[in-house]
Amino acid sequence: MRLAKEIFIENLKALRTARGLSQAKLAEMADLSPSIVSDIEVGRRNPTLTTIEKISLALDVPVQQLFYDSQADYPLSGIDSKEELRTILHKLVDKAIDG
């Protein structure tokens, strides 16, 4: 099973490059510093939920798309509320941190 952090980084890079955005441009669009985006993409920094939300808004994708594992056979579906999504994200982040 792949870690949520690995999946997030892979999806972030893929979505950013697919849109032709540099790390600096994404950072500007998400109201983040370029060093934060760079550090996240190389795995030196774990993004906060607020940062994840800013990135998803800047990329114009739902938050769960940043955690969708294309190598797994299941999409995140049936999420009915932001609170339910936050709970799922907290679990994913905890799992990534705990390894």
PDB file of N, CA and C in Angstrom:
ATOM      1  N   MET A   1       0.839  -1.184   0.000  1.00  0.00           N
ATOM      2  CA  MET A   1       0.000   0.000   0.000  1.00  0.00           C
ATOM      3  C   MET A   1       0.885   1.250   0.000  1.00  0.00           C
ATOM      4  N   ARG A   2       0.571   2.182  -0.879  1.00  0.00           N
ATOM      5  CA  ARG A   2       1.350   3.416  -0.971  1.00  0.00           C
ATOM      6  C   ARG A   2       0.902   4.402   0.098  1.00  0.00           C
ATOM      7  N   LEU A   3       1.839   5.211   0.548  1.00  0.00           N
ATOM      8  CA  LEU A   3       1.539   6.224   1.557  1.00  0.00           C
ATOM      9  C   LEU A   3       0.777   7.391   0.937  1.00  0.00           C
ATOM     10  N   ALA A   4      -0.098   7.987   1.733  1.00  0.00           N
ATOM     11  CA  ALA A   4      -0.876   9.137   1.271  1.00  0.00           C
ATOM     12  C   ALA A   4       0.036  10.265   0.806  1.00  0.00           C
ATOM     13  N   LYS A   5       1.150  10.450   1.501  1.00  0.00           N
ATOM     14  CA  LYS A   5       2.089  11.512   1.138  1.00  0.00           C
ATOM     15  C   LYS A   5       2.648  11.290  -0.270  1.00  0.00           C
ATOM     16  N   GLU A   6       3.004  10.044  -0.588  1.00  0.00           N
ATOM     17  CA  GLU A   6       3.526   9.728  -1.921  1.00  0.00           C
ATOM     18  C   GLU A   6       2.484   9.988  -2.997  1.00  0.00           C
ATOM     19  N   ILE A   7       1.266   9.579  -2.720  1.00  0.00           N
ATOM     20  CA  ILE A   7       0.168   9.765  -3.672  1.00  0.00           C
ATOM     21  C   ILE A   7      -0.087  11.254  -3.891  1.00  0.00           C
ATOM     22  N   PHE A   8      -0.134  12.006  -2.788  1.00  0.00           N
ATOM     23  CA  PHE A   8      -0.366  13.449  -2.869  1.00  0.00           C
ATOM     24  C   PHE A   8       0.707  14.126  -3.716  1.00  0.00           C
ATOM     25  N   ILE A   9       1.965  13.819  -3.439  1.00  0.00           N
ATOM     26  CA  ILE A   9       3.077  14.439  -4.178  1.00  0.00           C
ATOM     27  C   ILE A   9       2.981  14.099  -5.668  1.00  0.00           C
ATOM     28  N   GLU A  10       2.738  12.836  -5.978  1.00  0.00           N
ATOM     29  CA  GLU A  10       2.625  12.412  -7.376  1.00  0.00           C
ATOM     30  C   GLU A  10       1.498  13.160  -8.082  1.00  0.00           C
ATOM     31  N   ASN A  11       0.339  13.249  -7.434  1.00  0.00           N
ATOM     32  CA  ASN A  11      -0.806  13.924  -8.044  1.00  0.00           C
ATOM     33  C   ASN A  11      -0.580  15.423  -8.165  1.00  0.00           C
ATOM     34  N   LEU A  12       0.025  16.019  -7.155  1.00  0.00           N
ATOM     35  CA  LEU A  12       0.314  17.449  -7.195  1.00  0.00           C
ATOM     36  C   LEU A  12       1.211  17.777  -8.390  1.00  0.00           C
ATOM     37  N   LYS A  13       2.290  17.042  -8.541  1.00  0.00           N
ATOM     38  CA  LYS A  13       3.209  17.277  -9.661  1.00  0.00           C
ATOM     39  C   LYS A  13       2.518  17.066 -11.006  1.00  0.00           C
ATOM     40  N   ALA A  14       1.754  15.985 -11.104  1.00  0.00           N
ATOM     41  CA  ALA A  14       1.078  15.672 -12.373  1.00  0.00           C
ATOM     42  C   ALA A  14       0.064  16.747 -12.743  1.00  0.00           C
ATOM     43  N   LEU A  15      -0.733  17.176 -11.787  1.00  0.00           N
ATOM     44  CA  LEU A  15      -1.744  18.202 -12.067  1.00  0.00           C
ATOM     45  C   LEU A  15      -1.090  19.544 -12.386  1.00  0.00           C
ATOM     46  N   ARG A  16      -0.063  19.888 -11.643  1.00  0.00           N
ATOM     47  CA  ARG A  16       0.625  21.164 -11.880  1.00  0.00           C
ATOM     48  C   ARG A  16       1.244  21.196 -13.271  1.00  0.00           C
ATOM     49  N   THR A  17       1.966  20.140 -13.620  1.00  0.00           N
ATOM     50  CA  THR A  17       2.633  20.126 -14.928  1.00  0.00           C
ATOM     51  C   THR A  17       1.630  20.000 -16.070  1.00  0.00           C
ATOM     52  N   ALA A  18       0.541  19.273 -15.853  1.00  0.00           N
ATOM     53  CA  ALA A  18      -0.492  19.149 -16.889  1.00  0.00           C
ATOM     54  C   ALA A  18      -1.119  20.502 -17.214  1.00  0.00           C
ATOM     55  N   ARG A  19      -1.118  21.386 -16.249  1.00  0.00           N
ATOM     56  CA  ARG A  19      -1.674  22.724 -16.449  1.00  0.00           C
ATOM     57  C   ARG A  19      -0.601  23.722 -16.904  1.00  0.00           C
ATOM     58  N   GLY A  20       0.616  23.238 -17.063  1.00  0.00           N
ATOM     59  CA  GLY A  20       1.701  24.093 -17.521  1.00  0.00           C
ATOM     60  C   GLY A  20       2.136  25.127 -16.484  1.00  0.00           C
ATOM     61  N   LEU A  21       1.973  24.796 -15.215  1.00  0.00           N
ATOM     62  CA  LEU A  21       2.313  25.732 -14.149  1.00  0.00           C
ATOM     63  C   LEU A  21       3.679  25.420 -13.556  1.00  0.00           C
ATOM     64  N   SER A  22       4.444  26.450 -13.311  1.00  0.00           N
ATOM     65  CA  SER A  22       5.689  26.286 -12.552  1.00  0.00           C
ATOM     66  C   SER A  22       5.314  26.206 -11.078  1.00  0.00           C
ATOM     67  N   GLN A  23       6.259  25.786 -10.262  1.00  0.00           N
ATOM     68  CA  GLN A  23       6.010  25.779  -8.816  1.00  0.00           C
ATOM     69  C   GLN A  23       5.731  27.196  -8.328  1.00  0.00           C
ATOM     70  N   ALA A  24       6.456  28.161  -8.864  1.00  0.00           N
ATOM     71  CA  ALA A  24       6.277  29.560  -8.457  1.00  0.00           C
ATOM     72  C   ALA A  24       4.888  30.075  -8.819  1.00  0.00           C
ATOM     73  N   LYS A  25       4.407  29.725 -10.009  1.00  0.00           N
ATOM     74  CA  LYS A  25       3.075  30.179 -10.436  1.00  0.00           C
ATOM     75  C   LYS A  25       1.995  29.529  -9.582  1.00  0.00           C
ATOM     76  N   LEU A  26       2.118  28.234  -9.314  1.00  0.00           N
ATOM     77  CA  LEU A  26       1.145  27.571  -8.444  1.00  0.00           C
ATOM     78  C   LEU A  26       1.158  28.207  -7.063  1.00  0.00           C
ATOM     79  N   ALA A  27       2.342  28.484  -6.549  1.00  0.00           N
ATOM     80  CA  ALA A  27       2.455  29.116  -5.233  1.00  0.00           C
ATOM     81  C   ALA A  27       1.732  30.464  -5.216  1.00  0.00           C
ATOM     82  N   GLU A  28       1.928  31.238  -6.258  1.00  0.00           N
ATOM     83  CA  GLU A  28       1.255  32.538  -6.365  1.00  0.00           C
ATOM     84  C   GLU A  28      -0.268  32.355  -6.384  1.00  0.00           C
ATOM     85  N   MET A  29      -0.738  31.424  -7.186  1.00  0.00           N
ATOM     86  CA  MET A  29      -2.181  31.185  -7.309  1.00  0.00           C
ATOM     87  C   MET A  29      -2.796  30.678  -6.001  1.00  0.00           C
ATOM     88  N   ALA A  30      -2.009  29.939  -5.218  1.00  0.00           N
ATOM     89  CA  ALA A  30      -2.497  29.354  -3.969  1.00  0.00           C
ATOM     90  C   ALA A  30      -2.176  30.223  -2.753  1.00  0.00           C
ATOM     91  N   ASP A  31      -1.567  31.386  -2.987  1.00  0.00           N
ATOM     92  CA  ASP A  31      -1.172  32.280  -1.903  1.00  0.00           C
ATOM     93  C   ASP A  31      -0.231  31.577  -0.925  1.00  0.00           C
ATOM     94  N   LEU A  32       0.777  30.911  -1.497  1.00  0.00           N
ATOM     95  CA  LEU A  32       1.804  30.212  -0.727  1.00  0.00           C
ATOM     96  C   LEU A  32       3.166  30.707  -1.193  1.00  0.00           C
ATOM     97  N   SER A  33       4.180  30.453  -0.418  1.00  0.00           N
ATOM     98  CA  SER A  33       5.518  30.808  -0.878  1.00  0.00           C
ATOM     99  C   SER A  33       6.017  29.712  -1.825  1.00  0.00           C
ATOM    100  N   PRO A  34       6.833  30.083  -2.808  1.00  0.00           N
ATOM    101  CA  PRO A  34       7.375  29.070  -3.720  1.00  0.00           C
ATOM    102  C   PRO A  34       8.158  27.979  -2.993  1.00  0.00           C
ATOM    103  N   SER A  35       8.821  28.340  -1.905  1.00  0.00           N
ATOM    104  CA  SER A  35       9.592  27.330  -1.171  1.00  0.00           C
ATOM    105  C   SER A  35       8.686  26.279  -0.531  1.00  0.00           C
ATOM    106  N   ILE A  36       7.479  26.662  -0.138  1.00  0.00           N
ATOM    107  CA  ILE A  36       6.545  25.690   0.433  1.00  0.00           C
ATOM    108  C   ILE A  36       6.153  24.666  -0.623  1.00  0.00           C
ATOM    109  N   VAL A  37       5.792  25.138  -1.809  1.00  0.00           N
ATOM    110  CA  VAL A  37       5.406  24.219  -2.885  1.00  0.00           C
ATOM    111  C   VAL A  37       6.577  23.304  -3.237  1.00  0.00           C
ATOM    112  N   SER A  38       7.755  23.874  -3.354  1.00  0.00           N
ATOM    113  CA  SER A  38       8.937  23.078  -3.670  1.00  0.00           C
ATOM    114  C   SER A  38       9.196  22.028  -2.585  1.00  0.00           C
ATOM    115  N   ASP A  39       9.161  22.448  -1.327  1.00  0.00           N
ATOM    116  CA  ASP A  39       9.409  21.522  -0.221  1.00  0.00           C
ATOM    117  C   ASP A  39       8.371  20.402  -0.167  1.00  0.00           C
ATOM    118  N   ILE A  40       7.126  20.721  -0.464  1.00  0.00           N
ATOM    119  CA  ILE A  40       6.079  19.687  -0.485  1.00  0.00           C
ATOM    120  C   ILE A  40       6.362  18.688  -1.601  1.00  0.00           C
ATOM    121  N   GLU A  41       6.691  19.197  -2.785  1.00  0.00           N
ATOM    122  CA  GLU A  41       6.900  18.316  -3.936  1.00  0.00           C
ATOM    123  C   GLU A  41       8.106  17.390  -3.795  1.00  0.00           C
ATOM    124  N   VAL A  42       9.092  17.780  -3.007  1.00  0.00           N
ATOM    125  CA  VAL A  42      10.246  16.902  -2.814  1.00  0.00           C
ATOM    126  C   VAL A  42      10.153  16.112  -1.511  1.00  0.00           C
ATOM    127  N   GLY A  43       9.061  16.305  -0.766  1.00  0.00           N
ATOM    128  CA  GLY A  43       8.834  15.526   0.443  1.00  0.00           C
ATOM    129  C   GLY A  43       9.517  16.041   1.687  1.00  0.00           C
ATOM    130  N   ARG A  44      10.027  17.265   1.647  1.00  0.00           N
ATOM    131  CA  ARG A  44      10.678  17.837   2.832  1.00  0.00           C
ATOM    132  C   ARG A  44       9.678  18.423   3.812  1.00  0.00           C
ATOM    133  N   ARG A  45       8.462  18.665   3.352  1.00  0.00           N
ATOM    134  CA  ARG A  45       7.455  19.320   4.188  1.00  0.00           C
ATOM    135  C   ARG A  45       6.119  18.621   3.992  1.00  0.00           C
ATOM    136  N   ASN A  46       5.386  18.456   5.086  1.00  0.00           N
ATOM    137  CA  ASN A  46       4.032  17.930   5.014  1.00  0.00           C
ATOM    138  C   ASN A  46       3.053  19.097   4.993  1.00  0.00           C
ATOM    139  N   PRO A  47       2.164  19.144   4.009  1.00  0.00           N
ATOM    140  CA  PRO A  47       1.238  20.266   3.934  1.00  0.00           C
ATOM    141  C   PRO A  47       0.161  20.173   5.014  1.00  0.00           C
ATOM    142  N   THR A  48      -0.263  21.334   5.494  1.00  0.00           N
ATOM    143  CA  THR A  48      -1.388  21.389   6.419  1.00  0.00           C
ATOM    144  C   THR A  48      -2.672  21.215   5.621  1.00  0.00           C
ATOM    145  N   LEU A  49      -3.770  21.002   6.308  1.00  0.00           N
ATOM    146  CA  LEU A  49      -5.054  20.901   5.603  1.00  0.00           C
ATOM    147  C   LEU A  49      -5.385  22.202   4.889  1.00  0.00           C
ATOM    148  N   THR A  50      -5.041  23.323   5.498  1.00  0.00           N
ATOM    149  CA  THR A  50      -5.280  24.617   4.858  1.00  0.00           C
ATOM    150  C   THR A  50      -4.479  24.728   3.565  1.00  0.00           C
ATOM    151  N   THR A  51      -3.233  24.291   3.596  1.00  0.00           N
ATOM    152  CA  THR A  51      -2.391  24.326   2.399  1.00  0.00           C
ATOM    153  C   THR A  51      -2.949  23.401   1.324  1.00  0.00           C
ATOM    154  N   ILE A  52      -3.400  22.224   1.717  1.00  0.00           N
ATOM    155  CA  ILE A  52      -4.001  21.287   0.761  1.00  0.00           C
ATOM    156  C   ILE A  52      -5.229  21.912   0.110  1.00  0.00           C
ATOM    157  N   GLU A  53      -6.055  22.566   0.909  1.00  0.00           N
ATOM    158  CA  GLU A  53      -7.242  23.235   0.361  1.00  0.00           C
ATOM    159  C   GLU A  53      -6.858  24.347  -0.609  1.00  0.00           C
ATOM    160  N   LYS A  54      -5.845  25.139  -0.261  1.00  0.00           N
ATOM    161  CA  LYS A  54      -5.386  26.217  -1.147  1.00  0.00           C
ATOM    162  C   LYS A  54      -4.882  25.654  -2.474  1.00  0.00           C
ATOM    163  N   ILE A  55      -4.130  24.574  -2.402  1.00  0.00           N
ATOM    164  CA  ILE A  55      -3.603  23.948  -3.619  1.00  0.00           C
ATOM    165  C   ILE A  55      -4.736  23.404  -4.478  1.00  0.00           C
ATOM    166  N   SER A  56      -5.719  22.758  -3.859  1.00  0.00           N
ATOM    167  CA  SER A  56      -6.833  22.202  -4.634  1.00  0.00           C
ATOM    168  C   SER A  56      -7.630  23.311  -5.315  1.00  0.00           C
ATOM    169  N   LEU A  57      -7.814  24.425  -4.630  1.00  0.00           N
ATOM    170  CA  LEU A  57      -8.521  25.561  -5.235  1.00  0.00           C
ATOM    171  C   LEU A  57      -7.724  26.147  -6.390  1.00  0.00           C
ATOM    172  N   ALA A  58      -6.420  26.296  -6.199  1.00  0.00           N
ATOM    173  CA  ALA A  58      -5.570  26.852  -7.259  1.00  0.00           C
ATOM    174  C   ALA A  58      -5.546  25.945  -8.490  1.00  0.00           C
ATOM    175  N   LEU A  59      -5.562  24.634  -8.256  1.00  0.00           N
ATOM    176  CA  LEU A  59      -5.557  23.681  -9.373  1.00  0.00           C
ATOM    177  C   LEU A  59      -6.954  23.399  -9.905  1.00  0.00           C
ATOM    178  N   ASP A  60      -7.965  23.921  -9.208  1.00  0.00           N
ATOM    179  CA  ASP A  60      -9.372  23.743  -9.586  1.00  0.00           C
ATOM    180  C   ASP A  60      -9.765  22.263  -9.633  1.00  0.00           C
ATOM    181  N   VAL A  61      -9.380  21.549  -8.568  1.00  0.00           N
ATOM    182  CA  VAL A  61      -9.754  20.140  -8.432  1.00  0.00           C
ATOM    183  C   VAL A  61     -10.280  19.918  -7.018  1.00  0.00           C
ATOM    184  N   PRO A  62     -11.148  18.934  -6.832  1.00  0.00           N
ATOM    185  CA  PRO A  62     -11.576  18.609  -5.470  1.00  0.00           C
ATOM    186  C   PRO A  62     -10.384  18.090  -4.659  1.00  0.00           C
ATOM    187  N   VAL A  63     -10.397  18.350  -3.382  1.00  0.00           N
ATOM    188  CA  VAL A  63      -9.297  17.913  -2.511  1.00  0.00           C
ATOM    189  C   VAL A  63      -9.040  16.426  -2.663  1.00  0.00           C
ATOM    190  N   GLN A  64     -10.102  15.636  -2.724  1.00  0.00           N
ATOM    191  CA  GLN A  64      -9.912  14.185  -2.779  1.00  0.00           C
ATOM    192  C   GLN A  64      -9.165  13.738  -4.034  1.00  0.00           C
ATOM    193  N   GLN A  65      -9.202  14.539  -5.089  1.00  0.00           N
ATOM    194  CA  GLN A  65      -8.467  14.174  -6.304  1.00  0.00           C
ATOM    195  C   GLN A  65      -6.958  14.183  -6.060  1.00  0.00           C
ATOM    196  N   LEU A  66      -6.516  14.995  -5.122  1.00  0.00           N
ATOM    197  CA  LEU A  66      -5.092  15.033  -4.798  1.00  0.00           C
ATOM    198  C   LEU A  66      -4.646  13.762  -4.069  1.00  0.00           C
ATOM    199  N   PHE A  67      -5.596  13.005  -3.546  1.00  0.00           N
ATOM    200  CA  PHE A  67      -5.271  11.784  -2.813  1.00  0.00           C
ATOM    201  C   PHE A  67      -5.729  10.521  -3.535  1.00  0.00           C
ATOM    202  N   TYR A  68      -6.301  10.682  -4.728  1.00  0.00           N
ATOM    203  CA  TYR A  68      -6.769   9.521  -5.485  1.00  0.00           C
ATOM    204  C   TYR A  68      -5.572   8.724  -5.986  1.00  0.00           C
ATOM    205  N   ASP A  69      -5.527   7.468  -5.609  1.00  0.00           N
ATOM    206  CA  ASP A  69      -4.424   6.594  -5.996  1.00  0.00           C
ATOM    207  C   ASP A  69      -4.778   5.914  -7.303  1.00  0.00           C
ATOM    208  N   SER A  70      -4.191   6.387  -8.388  1.00  0.00           N
ATOM    209  CA  SER A  70      -4.498   5.822  -9.701  1.00  0.00           C
ATOM    210  C   SER A  70      -4.026   4.376  -9.817  1.00  0.00           C
ATOM    211  N   GLN A  71      -3.131   3.955  -8.930  1.00  0.00           N
ATOM    212  CA  GLN A  71      -2.671   2.577  -8.950  1.00  0.00           C
ATOM    213  C   GLN A  71      -3.594   1.649  -8.162  1.00  0.00           C
ATOM    214  N   ALA A  72      -4.495   2.232  -7.392  1.00  0.00           N
ATOM    215  CA  ALA A  72      -5.480   1.437  -6.664  1.00  0.00           C
ATOM    216  C   ALA A  72      -6.757   1.398  -7.490  1.00  0.00           C
ATOM    217  N   ASP A  73      -7.655   0.557  -7.108  1.00  0.00           N
ATOM    218  CA  ASP A  73      -8.862   0.375  -7.891  1.00  0.00           C
ATOM    219  C   ASP A  73     -10.088   0.973  -7.219  1.00  0.00           C
ATOM    220  N   TYR A  74      -9.931   2.060  -6.505  1.00  0.00           N
ATOM    221  CA  TYR A  74     -11.071   2.627  -5.804  1.00  0.00           C
ATOM    222  C   TYR A  74     -10.995   4.153  -5.814  1.00  0.00           C
ATOM    223  N   PRO A  75     -12.068   4.806  -6.220  1.00  0.00           N
ATOM    224  CA  PRO A  75     -12.126   6.260  -6.102  1.00  0.00           C
ATOM    225  C   PRO A  75     -12.726   6.639  -4.744  1.00  0.00           C
ATOM    226  N   LEU A  76     -12.407   7.824  -4.280  1.00  0.00           N
ATOM    227  CA  LEU A  76     -13.077   8.332  -3.084  1.00  0.00           C
ATOM    228  C   LEU A  76     -14.425   8.860  -3.542  1.00  0.00           C
ATOM    229  N   SER A  77     -15.474   8.173  -3.178  1.00  0.00           N
ATOM    230  CA  SER A  77     -16.800   8.627  -3.585  1.00  0.00           C
ATOM    231  C   SER A  77     -17.737   8.511  -2.401  1.00  0.00           C
ATOM    232  N   GLY A  78     -18.874   9.106  -2.535  1.00  0.00           N
ATOM    233  CA  GLY A  78     -19.865   9.044  -1.482  1.00  0.00           C
ATOM    234  C   GLY A  78     -19.555   9.955  -0.313  1.00  0.00           C
ATOM    235  N   ILE A  79     -18.693  10.942  -0.509  1.00  0.00           N
ATOM    236  CA  ILE A  79     -18.386  11.885   0.559  1.00  0.00           C
ATOM    237  C   ILE A  79     -19.445  12.979   0.513  1.00  0.00           C
ATOM    238  N   ASP A  80     -20.159  13.106   1.616  1.00  0.00           N
ATOM    239  CA  ASP A  80     -21.309  13.997   1.629  1.00  0.00           C
ATOM    240  C   ASP A  80     -21.072  15.368   2.253  1.00  0.00           C
ATOM    241  N   SER A  81     -19.974  15.532   2.980  1.00  0.00           N
ATOM    242  CA  SER A  81     -19.776  16.810   3.651  1.00  0.00           C
ATOM    243  C   SER A  81     -18.294  17.136   3.789  1.00  0.00           C
ATOM    244  N   LYS A  82     -18.034  18.404   4.031  1.00  0.00           N
ATOM    245  CA  LYS A  82     -16.650  18.827   4.264  1.00  0.00           C
ATOM    246  C   LYS A  82     -16.110  18.165   5.528  1.00  0.00           C
ATOM    247  N   GLU A  83     -16.962  18.000   6.526  1.00  0.00           N
ATOM    248  CA  GLU A  83     -16.509  17.376   7.780  1.00  0.00           C
ATOM    249  C   GLU A  83     -16.080  15.928   7.540  1.00  0.00           C
ATOM    250  N   GLU A  84     -16.846  15.207   6.735  1.00  0.00           N
ATOM    251  CA  GLU A  84     -16.480  13.823   6.405  1.00  0.00           C
ATOM    252  C   GLU A  84     -15.162  13.793   5.630  1.00  0.00           C
ATOM    253  N   LEU A  85     -14.986  14.729   4.713  1.00  0.00           N
ATOM    254  CA  LEU A  85     -13.745  14.812   3.951  1.00  0.00           C
ATOM    255  C   LEU A  85     -12.571  15.136   4.871  1.00  0.00           C
ATOM    256  N   ARG A  86     -12.772  16.065   5.799  1.00  0.00           N
ATOM    257  CA  ARG A  86     -11.703  16.398   6.755  1.00  0.00           C
ATOM    258  C   ARG A  86     -11.304  15.179   7.575  1.00  0.00           C
ATOM    259  N   THR A  87     -12.288  14.403   8.005  1.00  0.00           N
ATOM    260  CA  THR A  87     -12.007  13.195   8.784  1.00  0.00           C
ATOM    261  C   THR A  87     -11.154  12.231   7.959  1.00  0.00           C
ATOM    262  N   ILE A  88     -11.521  12.037   6.700  1.00  0.00           N
ATOM    263  CA  ILE A  88     -10.767  11.149   5.814  1.00  0.00           C
ATOM    264  C   ILE A  88      -9.347  11.679   5.625  1.00  0.00           C
ATOM    265  N   LEU A  89      -9.215  12.978   5.394  1.00  0.00           N
ATOM    266  CA  LEU A  89      -7.891  13.570   5.194  1.00  0.00           C
ATOM    267  C   LEU A  89      -7.029  13.443   6.445  1.00  0.00           C
ATOM    268  N   HIS A  90      -7.629  13.669   7.599  1.00  0.00           N
ATOM    269  CA  HIS A  90      -6.867  13.513   8.852  1.00  0.00           C
ATOM    270  C   HIS A  90      -6.350  12.084   8.986  1.00  0.00           C
ATOM    271  N   LYS A  91      -7.186  11.116   8.668  1.00  0.00           N
ATOM    272  CA  LYS A  91      -6.771   9.712   8.746  1.00  0.00           C
ATOM    273  C   LYS A  91      -5.631   9.435   7.765  1.00  0.00           C
ATOM    274  N   LEU A  92      -5.742   9.973   6.545  1.00  0.00           N
ATOM    275  CA  LEU A  92      -4.694   9.775   5.562  1.00  0.00           C
ATOM    276  C   LEU A  92      -3.384  10.410   5.995  1.00  0.00           C
ATOM    277  N   VAL A  93      -3.471  11.615   6.520  1.00  0.00           N
ATOM    278  CA  VAL A  93      -2.260  12.294   6.978  1.00  0.00           C
ATOM    279  C   VAL A  93      -1.644  11.551   8.156  1.00  0.00           C
ATOM    280  N   ASP A  94      -2.481  11.128   9.109  1.00  0.00           N
ATOM    281  CA  ASP A  94      -1.969  10.358  10.251  1.00  0.00           C
ATOM    282  C   ASP A  94      -1.278   9.079   9.780  1.00  0.00           C
ATOM    283  N   LYS A  95      -1.875   8.424   8.810  1.00  0.00           N
ATOM    284  CA  LYS A  95      -1.294   7.185   8.280  1.00  0.00           C
ATOM    285  C   LYS A  95       0.048   7.474   7.611  1.00  0.00           C
ATOM    286  N   ALA A  96       0.132   8.574   6.877  1.00  0.00           N
ATOM    287  CA  ALA A  96       1.383   8.948   6.205  1.00  0.00           C
ATOM    288  C   ALA A  96       2.475   9.266   7.229  1.00  0.00           C
ATOM    289  N   ILE A  97       2.094   9.940   8.285  1.00  0.00           N
ATOM    290  CA  ILE A  97       3.066  10.311   9.319  1.00  0.00           C
ATOM    291  C   ILE A  97       3.536   9.099  10.096  1.00  0.00           C
ATOM    292  N   ASP A  98       2.603   8.218  10.439  1.00  0.00           N
ATOM    293  CA  ASP A  98       2.937   7.034  11.224  1.00  0.00           C
ATOM    294  C   ASP A  98       3.654   5.978  10.395  1.00  0.00           C
ATOM    295  N   GLY A  99       3.496   6.088   9.086  1.00  0.00           N
ATOM    296  CA  GLY A  99       4.172   5.148   8.184  1.00  0.00           C
ATOM    297  C   GLY A  99       3.503   3.846   8.226  1.00  0.00           C
TER     298      GLY A  99
END
